[in-house]
Structures are given as structure tokens and as C-alpha cells.
């Protein structure tokens, strides 16, 4: 995962507060919220995740935690889709 940092020029890239990636066509943002301490948050528009507080305090652990969160979210979505796909009993109802 290649993260793009908002660190100021001349400062270490790890000093940033917003890290974005668009690897594999998925927009992910790991960021801090001003005034909310040292907590890290996750945004992923494609999966409807916005400002999800991460448990990790270390950026690299946040990246690993993000992968696990996205994997679980996709597994749940896949399960729901499979249930929909396998439902062959079509009925038309009135509101």
C-alpha cells in the first residue's frame, strides 16, 4: 500500500496527519481529526466508511487494521450479495 502524506515540505513524511491511497482503484484515507487528540480515523467512500475511529495509534498498525476492516466489510457485502443472487423465488408485491 502506497500512502501519500500531507507532511510539509522538508519534514518527514511520517509527520503528516492525512494519508491517502488510490491503490487498485480504492480510495482510502487514514487521517487525524483536528481537536480529537492522537486518534486515527478511516474513510473509504466505496464501502461507505466515514470517520471510523481506528484502535491503533501507530500509522503502520493503522494500515494493517484498515486492511482487516476492509476485508471484513467486503466479506459481509459478498455474503449479502450471494444471498440475493441465490434467491430464485421471484414474487411481485404491491406496496
PDB file of N, CA and C in Angstrom:
ATOM      1  N   UNK A   1       0.860  -1.169   0.000  1.00  0.00           N
ATOM      2  CA  UNK A   1       0.000   0.000   0.000  1.00  0.00           C
ATOM      3  C   UNK A   1       0.906   1.232   0.000  1.00  0.00           C
ATOM      4  N   UNK A   2       0.727   2.086  -0.984  1.00  0.00           N
ATOM      5  CA  UNK A   2       1.497   3.327  -1.076  1.00  0.00           C
ATOM      6  C   UNK A   2       0.637   4.463  -0.551  1.00  0.00           C
ATOM      7  N   UNK A   3       1.071   5.076   0.547  1.00  0.00           N
ATOM      8  CA  UNK A   3       0.321   6.168   1.164  1.00  0.00           C
ATOM      9  C   UNK A   3       0.947   7.502   0.785  1.00  0.00           C
ATOM     10  N   UNK A   4       0.117   8.463   0.453  1.00  0.00           N
ATOM     11  CA  UNK A   4       0.575   9.818   0.132  1.00  0.00           C
ATOM     12  C   UNK A   4       0.303  10.685   1.353  1.00  0.00           C
ATOM     13  N   UNK A   5       1.350  11.318   1.865  1.00  0.00           N
ATOM     14  CA  UNK A   5       1.284  12.091   3.095  1.00  0.00           C
ATOM     15  C   UNK A   5       1.057  13.574   2.811  1.00  0.00           C
ATOM     16  N   UNK A   6       0.414  14.241   3.758  1.00  0.00           N
ATOM     17  CA  UNK A   6       0.260  15.696   3.650  1.00  0.00           C
ATOM     18  C   UNK A   6       1.342  16.434   4.443  1.00  0.00           C
ATOM     19  N   UNK A   7       2.419  15.736   4.803  1.00  0.00           N
ATOM     20  CA  UNK A   7       3.511  16.369   5.562  1.00  0.00           C
ATOM     21  C   UNK A   7       4.060  17.565   4.792  1.00  0.00           C
ATOM     22  N   UNK A   8       4.442  18.577   5.542  1.00  0.00           N
ATOM     23  CA  UNK A   8       5.001  19.780   4.931  1.00  0.00           C
ATOM     24  C   UNK A   8       6.353  19.462   4.294  1.00  0.00           C
ATOM     25  N   UNK A   9       6.685  20.229   3.254  1.00  0.00           N
ATOM     26  CA  UNK A   9       7.953  20.054   2.557  1.00  0.00           C
ATOM     27  C   UNK A   9       9.107  20.194   3.545  1.00  0.00           C
ATOM     28  N   UNK A  10      10.046  19.282   3.489  1.00  0.00           N
ATOM     29  CA  UNK A  10      11.208  19.316   4.371  1.00  0.00           C
ATOM     30  C   UNK A  10      11.014  18.563   5.676  1.00  0.00           C
ATOM     31  N   UNK A  11       9.796  18.131   5.954  1.00  0.00           N
ATOM     32  CA  UNK A  11       9.526  17.359   7.161  1.00  0.00           C
ATOM     33  C   UNK A  11       9.385  15.883   6.793  1.00  0.00           C
ATOM     34  N   UNK A  12       9.630  14.985   7.736  1.00  0.00           N
ATOM     35  CA  UNK A  12       9.482  13.559   7.425  1.00  0.00           C
ATOM     36  C   UNK A  12       8.051  13.239   6.993  1.00  0.00           C
ATOM     37  N   UNK A  13       7.900  12.365   6.008  1.00  0.00           N
ATOM     38  CA  UNK A  13       6.564  12.039   5.506  1.00  0.00           C
ATOM     39  C   UNK A  13       5.689  11.435   6.603  1.00  0.00           C
ATOM     40  N   UNK A  14       6.299  10.786   7.587  1.00  0.00           N
ATOM     41  CA  UNK A  14       5.544  10.175   8.684  1.00  0.00           C
ATOM     42  C   UNK A  14       4.894  11.209   9.599  1.00  0.00           C
ATOM     43  N   UNK A  15       5.304  12.475   9.493  1.00  0.00           N
ATOM     44  CA  UNK A  15       4.773  13.519  10.370  1.00  0.00           C
ATOM     45  C   UNK A  15       3.427  14.058   9.895  1.00  0.00           C
ATOM     46  N   UNK A  16       2.927  13.564   8.780  1.00  0.00           N
ATOM     47  CA  UNK A  16       1.649  14.031   8.255  1.00  0.00           C
ATOM     48  C   UNK A  16       0.476  13.621   9.129  1.00  0.00           C
ATOM     49  N   UNK A  17      -0.660  14.213   8.848  1.00  0.00           N
ATOM     50  CA  UNK A  17      -1.889  13.890   9.583  1.00  0.00           C
ATOM     51  C   UNK A  17      -2.957  13.294   8.668  1.00  0.00           C
ATOM     52  N   UNK A  18      -2.682  13.288   7.370  1.00  0.00           N
ATOM     53  CA  UNK A  18      -3.595  12.705   6.391  1.00  0.00           C
ATOM     54  C   UNK A  18      -2.764  11.845   5.439  1.00  0.00           C
ATOM     55  N   UNK A  19      -3.191  10.597   5.273  1.00  0.00           N
ATOM     56  CA  UNK A  19      -2.513   9.675   4.375  1.00  0.00           C
ATOM     57  C   UNK A  19      -3.555   9.059   3.465  1.00  0.00           C
ATOM     58  N   UNK A  20      -3.343   9.196   2.154  1.00  0.00           N
ATOM     59  CA  UNK A  20      -4.302   8.711   1.169  1.00  0.00           C
ATOM     60  C   UNK A  20      -3.641   7.693   0.249  1.00  0.00           C
ATOM     61  N   UNK A  21      -4.474   6.810  -0.271  1.00  0.00           N
ATOM     62  CA  UNK A  21      -4.029   5.892  -1.303  1.00  0.00           C
ATOM     63  C   UNK A  21      -5.176   5.654  -2.263  1.00  0.00           C
ATOM     64  N   UNK A  22      -4.813   5.390  -3.497  1.00  0.00           N
ATOM     65  CA  UNK A  22      -5.790   5.016  -4.511  1.00  0.00           C
ATOM     66  C   UNK A  22      -5.346   3.725  -5.171  1.00  0.00           C
ATOM     67  N   UNK A  23      -4.608   2.907  -4.413  1.00  0.00           N
ATOM     68  CA  UNK A  23      -4.147   1.629  -4.935  1.00  0.00           C
ATOM     69  C   UNK A  23      -5.326   0.781  -5.386  1.00  0.00           C
ATOM     70  N   UNK A  24      -5.193   0.192  -6.533  1.00  0.00           N
ATOM     71  CA  UNK A  24      -6.173  -0.761  -7.056  1.00  0.00           C
ATOM     72  C   UNK A  24      -7.563  -0.142  -7.213  1.00  0.00           C
ATOM     73  N   UNK A  25      -7.638   1.174  -7.381  1.00  0.00           N
ATOM     74  CA  UNK A  25      -8.911   1.846  -7.631  1.00  0.00           C
ATOM     75  C   UNK A  25      -9.781   2.042  -6.403  1.00  0.00           C
ATOM     76  N   UNK A  26      -9.219   1.849  -5.224  1.00  0.00           N
ATOM     77  CA  UNK A  26      -9.970   2.044  -3.984  1.00  0.00           C
ATOM     78  C   UNK A  26      -9.402   3.268  -3.279  1.00  0.00           C
ATOM     79  N   UNK A  27     -10.262   4.256  -3.022  1.00  0.00           N
ATOM     80  CA  UNK A  27      -9.833   5.474  -2.335  1.00  0.00           C
ATOM     81  C   UNK A  27      -9.915   5.257  -0.832  1.00  0.00           C
ATOM     82  N   UNK A  28      -8.763   5.302  -0.175  1.00  0.00           N
ATOM     83  CA  UNK A  28      -8.679   5.103   1.269  1.00  0.00           C
ATOM     84  C   UNK A  28      -7.962   6.295   1.873  1.00  0.00           C
ATOM     85  N   UNK A  29      -8.476   6.752   3.011  1.00  0.00           N
ATOM     86  CA  UNK A  29      -7.840   7.860   3.725  1.00  0.00           C
ATOM     87  C   UNK A  29      -7.738   7.486   5.200  1.00  0.00           C
ATOM     88  N   UNK A  30      -6.517   7.503   5.719  1.00  0.00           N
ATOM     89  CA  UNK A  30      -6.255   7.323   7.145  1.00  0.00           C
ATOM     90  C   UNK A  30      -5.830   8.690   7.634  1.00  0.00           C
ATOM     91  N   UNK A  31      -6.541   9.225   8.614  1.00  0.00           N
ATOM     92  CA  UNK A  31      -6.297  10.613   8.992  1.00  0.00           C
ATOM     93  C   UNK A  31      -6.595  10.872  10.460  1.00  0.00           C
ATOM     94  N   UNK A  32      -6.100  12.010  10.918  1.00  0.00           N
ATOM     95  CA  UNK A  32      -6.439  12.504  12.249  1.00  0.00           C
ATOM     96  C   UNK A  32      -7.466  13.614  12.071  1.00  0.00           C
ATOM     97  N   UNK A  33      -8.244  13.861  13.109  1.00  0.00           N
ATOM     98  CA  UNK A  33      -9.211  14.949  13.087  1.00  0.00           C
ATOM     99  C   UNK A  33      -8.723  16.008  14.063  1.00  0.00           C
ATOM    100  N   UNK A  34      -8.604  17.222  13.582  1.00  0.00           N
ATOM    101  CA  UNK A  34      -8.119  18.326  14.400  1.00  0.00           C
ATOM    102  C   UNK A  34      -8.973  18.456  15.659  1.00  0.00           C
ATOM    103  N   UNK A  35      -8.322  18.496  16.806  1.00  0.00           N
ATOM    104  CA  UNK A  35      -9.013  18.658  18.073  1.00  0.00           C
ATOM    105  C   UNK A  35      -9.446  17.354  18.715  1.00  0.00           C
ATOM    106  N   UNK A  36      -9.134  16.233  18.068  1.00  0.00           N
ATOM    107  CA  UNK A  36      -9.548  14.915  18.602  1.00  0.00           C
ATOM    108  C   UNK A  36      -8.356  14.102  19.096  1.00  0.00           C
ATOM    109  N   UNK A  37      -7.315  14.765  19.495  1.00  0.00           N
ATOM    110  CA  UNK A  37      -6.158  14.059  20.048  1.00  0.00           C
ATOM    111  C   UNK A  37      -5.358  13.326  18.998  1.00  0.00           C
ATOM    112  N   UNK A  38      -4.761  12.211  19.424  1.00  0.00           N
ATOM    113  CA  UNK A  38      -3.875  11.445  18.545  1.00  0.00           C
ATOM    114  C   UNK A  38      -4.572  10.288  17.840  1.00  0.00           C
ATOM    115  N   UNK A  39      -5.879  10.228  17.910  1.00  0.00           N
ATOM    116  CA  UNK A  39      -6.624   9.123  17.298  1.00  0.00           C
ATOM    117  C   UNK A  39      -6.555   9.199  15.775  1.00  0.00           C
ATOM    118  N   UNK A  40      -6.553   8.025  15.162  1.00  0.00           N
ATOM    119  CA  UNK A  40      -6.577   7.903  13.708  1.00  0.00           C
ATOM    120  C   UNK A  40      -7.958   7.438  13.271  1.00  0.00           C
ATOM    121  N   UNK A  41      -8.368   7.882  12.088  1.00  0.00           N
ATOM    122  CA  UNK A  41      -9.684   7.563  11.543  1.00  0.00           C
ATOM    123  C   UNK A  41      -9.537   7.033  10.118  1.00  0.00           C
ATOM    124  N   UNK A  42     -10.553   6.305   9.676  1.00  0.00           N
ATOM    125  CA  UNK A  42     -10.542   5.701   8.347  1.00  0.00           C
ATOM    126  C   UNK A  42     -11.735   6.190   7.545  1.00  0.00           C
ATOM    127  N   UNK A  43     -11.486   6.543   6.290  1.00  0.00           N
ATOM    128  CA  UNK A  43     -12.534   6.844   5.314  1.00  0.00           C
ATOM    129  C   UNK A  43     -12.313   5.946   4.101  1.00  0.00           C
ATOM    130  N   UNK A  44     -13.408   5.392   3.582  1.00  0.00           N
ATOM    131  CA  UNK A  44     -13.383   4.635   2.325  1.00  0.00           C
ATOM    132  C   UNK A  44     -14.755   4.802   1.696  1.00  0.00           C
ATOM    133  N   UNK A  45     -14.866   5.725   0.768  1.00  0.00           N
ATOM    134  CA  UNK A  45     -16.162   6.042   0.144  1.00  0.00           C
ATOM    135  C   UNK A  45     -16.801   4.833  -0.515  1.00  0.00           C
ATOM    136  N   UNK A  46     -16.007   4.018  -1.196  1.00  0.00           N
ATOM    137  CA  UNK A  46     -16.560   2.872  -1.916  1.00  0.00           C
ATOM    138  C   UNK A  46     -17.310   1.914  -0.997  1.00  0.00           C
ATOM    139  N   UNK A  47     -16.907   1.844   0.264  1.00  0.00           N
ATOM    140  CA  UNK A  47     -17.544   0.923   1.205  1.00  0.00           C
ATOM    141  C   UNK A  47     -18.390   1.646   2.251  1.00  0.00           C
ATOM    142  N   UNK A  48     -18.607   2.935   2.057  1.00  0.00           N
ATOM    143  CA  UNK A  48     -19.468   3.690   2.963  1.00  0.00           C
ATOM    144  C   UNK A  48     -18.878   3.898   4.351  1.00  0.00           C
ATOM    145  N   UNK A  49     -17.566   3.947   4.448  1.00  0.00           N
ATOM    146  CA  UNK A  49     -16.907   4.149   5.734  1.00  0.00           C
ATOM    147  C   UNK A  49     -16.457   5.600   5.822  1.00  0.00           C
ATOM    148  N   UNK A  50     -16.898   6.277   6.869  1.00  0.00           N
ATOM    149  CA  UNK A  50     -16.515   7.678   7.067  1.00  0.00           C
ATOM    150  C   UNK A  50     -16.216   7.923   8.537  1.00  0.00           C
ATOM    151  N   UNK A  51     -15.035   8.408   8.807  1.00  0.00           N
ATOM    152  CA  UNK A  51     -14.582   8.762  10.156  1.00  0.00           C
ATOM    153  C   UNK A  51     -14.714   7.616  11.153  1.00  0.00           C
ATOM    154  N   UNK A  52     -14.332   6.414  10.716  1.00  0.00           N
ATOM    155  CA  UNK A  52     -14.332   5.252  11.604  1.00  0.00           C
ATOM    156  C   UNK A  52     -13.061   5.304  12.441  1.00  0.00           C
ATOM    157  N   UNK A  53     -13.220   5.388  13.752  1.00  0.00           N
ATOM    158  CA  UNK A  53     -12.066   5.500  14.641  1.00  0.00           C
ATOM    159  C   UNK A  53     -11.312   4.173  14.674  1.00  0.00           C
ATOM    160  N   UNK A  54     -10.008   4.248  14.435  1.00  0.00           N
ATOM    161  CA  UNK A  54      -9.166   3.068  14.458  1.00  0.00           C
ATOM    162  C   UNK A  54      -8.630   2.845  15.872  1.00  0.00           C
ATOM    163  N   UNK A  55      -8.363   1.601  16.215  1.00  0.00           N
ATOM    164  CA  UNK A  55      -7.861   1.268  17.542  1.00  0.00           C
ATOM    165  C   UNK A  55      -6.374   1.563  17.671  1.00  0.00           C
ATOM    166  N   UNK A  56      -5.656   1.417  16.587  1.00  0.00           N
ATOM    167  CA  UNK A  56      -4.203   1.583  16.589  1.00  0.00           C
ATOM    168  C   UNK A  56      -3.803   3.050  16.696  1.00  0.00           C
ATOM    169  N   UNK A  57      -2.661   3.285  17.322  1.00  0.00           N
ATOM    170  CA  UNK A  57      -2.129   4.648  17.435  1.00  0.00           C
ATOM    171  C   UNK A  57      -0.928   4.855  16.515  1.00  0.00           C
ATOM    172  N   UNK A  58      -0.371   3.777  16.007  1.00  0.00           N
ATOM    173  CA  UNK A  58       0.777   3.819  15.120  1.00  0.00           C
ATOM    174  C   UNK A  58       0.276   3.746  13.679  1.00  0.00           C
ATOM    175  N   UNK A  59       0.776   4.609  12.811  1.00  0.00           N
ATOM    176  CA  UNK A  59       0.304   4.681  11.429  1.00  0.00           C
ATOM    177  C   UNK A  59       0.428   3.345  10.713  1.00  0.00           C
ATOM    178  N   UNK A  60       1.532   2.641  10.891  1.00  0.00           N
ATOM    179  CA  UNK A  60       1.734   1.379  10.190  1.00  0.00           C
ATOM    180  C   UNK A  60       0.768   0.304  10.698  1.00  0.00           C
ATOM    181  N   UNK A  61       0.470   0.315  11.973  1.00  0.00           N
ATOM    182  CA  UNK A  61      -0.536  -0.607  12.506  1.00  0.00           C
ATOM    183  C   UNK A  61      -1.921  -0.207  12.008  1.00  0.00           C
ATOM    184  N   UNK A  62      -2.145   1.101  11.833  1.00  0.00           N
ATOM    185  CA  UNK A  62      -3.420   1.582  11.275  1.00  0.00           C
ATOM    186  C   UNK A  62      -3.616   1.052   9.852  1.00  0.00           C
ATOM    187  N   UNK A  63      -2.543   1.005   9.076  1.00  0.00           N
ATOM    188  CA  UNK A  63      -2.631   0.481   7.711  1.00  0.00           C
ATOM    189  C   UNK A  63      -3.038  -0.988   7.736  1.00  0.00           C
ATOM    190  N   UNK A  64      -2.449  -1.769   8.651  1.00  0.00           N
ATOM    191  CA  UNK A  64      -2.819  -3.184   8.779  1.00  0.00           C
ATOM    192  C   UNK A  64      -4.257  -3.331   9.257  1.00  0.00           C
ATOM    193  N   UNK A  65      -4.648  -2.501  10.245  1.00  0.00           N
ATOM    194  CA  UNK A  65      -6.016  -2.533  10.765  1.00  0.00           C
ATOM    195  C   UNK A  65      -7.014  -2.181   9.657  1.00  0.00           C
ATOM    196  N   UNK A  66      -6.662  -1.212   8.834  1.00  0.00           N
ATOM    197  CA  UNK A  66      -7.504  -0.799   7.710  1.00  0.00           C
ATOM    198  C   UNK A  66      -7.742  -1.968   6.763  1.00  0.00           C
ATOM    199  N   UNK A  67      -6.692  -2.707   6.438  1.00  0.00           N
ATOM    200  CA  UNK A  67      -6.841  -3.857   5.547  1.00  0.00           C
ATOM    201  C   UNK A  67      -7.806  -4.875   6.141  1.00  0.00           C
ATOM    202  N   UNK A  68      -7.699  -5.134   7.426  1.00  0.00           N
ATOM    203  CA  UNK A  68      -8.587  -6.100   8.082  1.00  0.00           C
ATOM    204  C   UNK A  68     -10.037  -5.609   8.080  1.00  0.00           C
ATOM    205  N   UNK A  69     -10.236  -4.324   8.361  1.00  0.00           N
ATOM    206  CA  UNK A  69     -11.590  -3.750   8.362  1.00  0.00           C
ATOM    207  C   UNK A  69     -12.215  -3.864   6.977  1.00  0.00           C
ATOM    208  N   UNK A  70     -11.461  -3.501   5.954  1.00  0.00           N
ATOM    209  CA  UNK A  70     -11.978  -3.553   4.585  1.00  0.00           C
ATOM    210  C   UNK A  70     -12.262  -4.998   4.167  1.00  0.00           C
ATOM    211  N   UNK A  71     -11.393  -5.924   4.555  1.00  0.00           N
ATOM    212  CA  UNK A  71     -11.601  -7.331   4.235  1.00  0.00           C
ATOM    213  C   UNK A  71     -12.900  -7.842   4.855  1.00  0.00           C
ATOM    214  N   UNK A  72     -13.134  -7.530   6.135  1.00  0.00           N
ATOM    215  CA  UNK A  72     -14.354  -7.971   6.818  1.00  0.00           C
ATOM    216  C   UNK A  72     -15.594  -7.345   6.187  1.00  0.00           C
ATOM    217  N   UNK A  73     -15.501  -6.053   5.861  1.00  0.00           N
ATOM    218  CA  UNK A  73     -16.629  -5.353   5.242  1.00  0.00           C
ATOM    219  C   UNK A  73     -16.981  -5.991   3.895  1.00  0.00           C
ATOM    220  N   UNK A  74     -15.957  -6.311   3.110  1.00  0.00           N
ATOM    221  CA  UNK A  74     -16.192  -6.944   1.809  1.00  0.00           C
ATOM    222  C   UNK A  74     -16.748  -8.355   1.956  1.00  0.00           C
ATOM    223  N   UNK A  75     -16.294  -9.087   2.963  1.00  0.00           N
ATOM    224  CA  UNK A  75     -16.835 -10.427   3.204  1.00  0.00           C
ATOM    225  C   UNK A  75     -18.322 -10.351   3.536  1.00  0.00           C
ATOM    226  N   UNK A  76     -18.713  -9.386   4.366  1.00  0.00           N
ATOM    227  CA  UNK A  76     -20.127  -9.214   4.707  1.00  0.00           C
ATOM    228  C   UNK A  76     -20.953  -8.817   3.487  1.00  0.00           C
ATOM    229  N   UNK A  77     -20.430  -7.900   2.671  1.00  0.00           N
ATOM    230  CA  UNK A  77     -21.132  -7.495   1.453  1.00  0.00           C
ATOM    231  C   UNK A  77     -21.264  -8.661   0.480  1.00  0.00           C
ATOM    232  N   UNK A  78     -20.220  -9.446   0.369  1.00  0.00           N
ATOM    233  CA  UNK A  78     -20.249 -10.604  -0.520  1.00  0.00           C
ATOM    234  C   UNK A  78     -21.287 -11.619  -0.054  1.00  0.00           C
ATOM    235  N   UNK A  79     -21.366 -11.835   1.248  1.00  0.00           N
ATOM    236  CA  UNK A  79     -22.366 -12.750   1.796  1.00  0.00           C
ATOM    237  C   UNK A  79     -23.779 -12.252   1.494  1.00  0.00           C
ATOM    238  N   UNK A  80     -24.020 -10.961   1.667  1.00  0.00           N
ATOM    239  CA  UNK A  80     -25.336 -10.391   1.374  1.00  0.00           C
ATOM    240  C   UNK A  80     -25.664 -10.517  -0.111  1.00  0.00           C
ATOM    241  N   UNK A  81     -24.684 -10.240  -0.971  1.00  0.00           N
ATOM    242  CA  UNK A  81     -24.898 -10.360  -2.407  1.00  0.00           C
ATOM    243  C   UNK A  81     -25.208 -11.806  -2.788  1.00  0.00           C
ATOM    244  N   UNK A  82     -24.465 -12.747  -2.230  1.00  0.00           N
ATOM    245  CA  UNK A  82     -24.699 -14.162  -2.542  1.00  0.00           C
ATOM    246  C   UNK A  82     -26.107 -14.585  -2.134  1.00  0.00           C
ATOM    247  N   UNK A  83     -26.579 -14.109  -0.984  1.00  0.00           N
ATOM    248  CA  UNK A  83     -27.948 -14.421  -0.560  1.00  0.00           C
ATOM    249  C   UNK A  83     -28.960 -13.871  -1.557  1.00  0.00           C
ATOM    250  N   UNK A  84     -28.714 -12.658  -2.021  1.00  0.00           N
ATOM    251  CA  UNK A  84     -29.585 -12.043  -3.029  1.00  0.00           C
ATOM    252  C   UNK A  84     -29.529 -12.833  -4.332  1.00  0.00           C
ATOM    253  N   UNK A  85     -28.330 -13.151  -4.768  1.00  0.00           N
ATOM    254  CA  UNK A  85     -28.127 -13.841  -6.039  1.00  0.00           C
ATOM    255  C   UNK A  85     -28.773 -15.224  -6.041  1.00  0.00           C
ATOM    256  N   UNK A  86     -28.686 -15.918  -4.920  1.00  0.00           N
ATOM    257  CA  UNK A  86     -29.193 -17.284  -4.840  1.00  0.00           C
ATOM    258  C   UNK A  86     -30.702 -17.358  -4.625  1.00  0.00           C
ATOM    259  N   UNK A  87     -31.352 -16.233  -4.379  1.00  0.00           N
ATOM    260  CA  UNK A  87     -32.796 -16.214  -4.163  1.00  0.00           C
ATOM    261  C   UNK A  87     -33.498 -16.249  -5.521  1.00  0.00           C
ATOM    262  N   UNK A  88     -33.942 -17.426  -5.927  1.00  0.00           N
ATOM    263  CA  UNK A  88     -34.581 -17.602  -7.242  1.00  0.00           C
ATOM    264  C   UNK A  88     -36.099 -17.535  -7.178  1.00  0.00           C
ATOM    265  N   UNK A  89     -36.643 -17.309  -6.017  1.00  0.00           N
ATOM    266  CA  UNK A  89     -38.099 -17.255  -5.828  1.00  0.00           C
ATOM    267  C   UNK A  89     -38.560 -15.806  -6.044  1.00  0.00           C
ATOM    268  N   UNK A  90     -38.890 -15.458  -7.294  1.00  0.00           N
ATOM    269  CA  UNK A  90     -39.273 -14.081  -7.619  1.00  0.00           C
ATOM    270  C   UNK A  90     -40.766 -13.904  -7.374  1.00  0.00           C
ATOM    271  N   UNK A  91     -41.111 -12.905  -6.598  1.00  0.00           N
ATOM    272  CA  UNK A  91     -42.511 -12.571  -6.326  1.00  0.00           C
ATOM    273  C   UNK A  91     -42.694 -11.079  -6.568  1.00  0.00           C
ATOM    274  N   UNK A  92     -43.843 -10.714  -7.071  1.00  0.00           N
ATOM    275  CA  UNK A  92     -44.149  -9.308  -7.284  1.00  0.00           C
ATOM    276  C   UNK A  92     -45.213  -8.927  -6.268  1.00  0.00           C
ATOM    277  N   UNK A  93     -44.921  -7.911  -5.484  1.00  0.00           N
ATOM    278  CA  UNK A  93     -45.816  -7.483  -4.404  1.00  0.00           C
ATOM    279  C   UNK A  93     -46.308  -6.060  -4.665  1.00  0.00           C
ATOM    280  N   UNK A  94     -47.398  -5.717  -4.038  1.00  0.00           N
ATOM    281  CA  UNK A  94     -47.947  -4.378  -4.114  1.00  0.00           C
ATOM    282  C   UNK A  94     -47.515  -3.620  -2.847  1.00  0.00           C
ATOM    283  N   UNK A  95     -47.269  -2.338  -2.980  1.00  0.00           N
ATOM    284  CA  UNK A  95     -46.904  -1.515  -1.802  1.00  0.00           C
ATOM    285  C   UNK A  95     -48.012  -1.420  -0.815  1.00  0.00           C
TER     286      UNK A  95
END
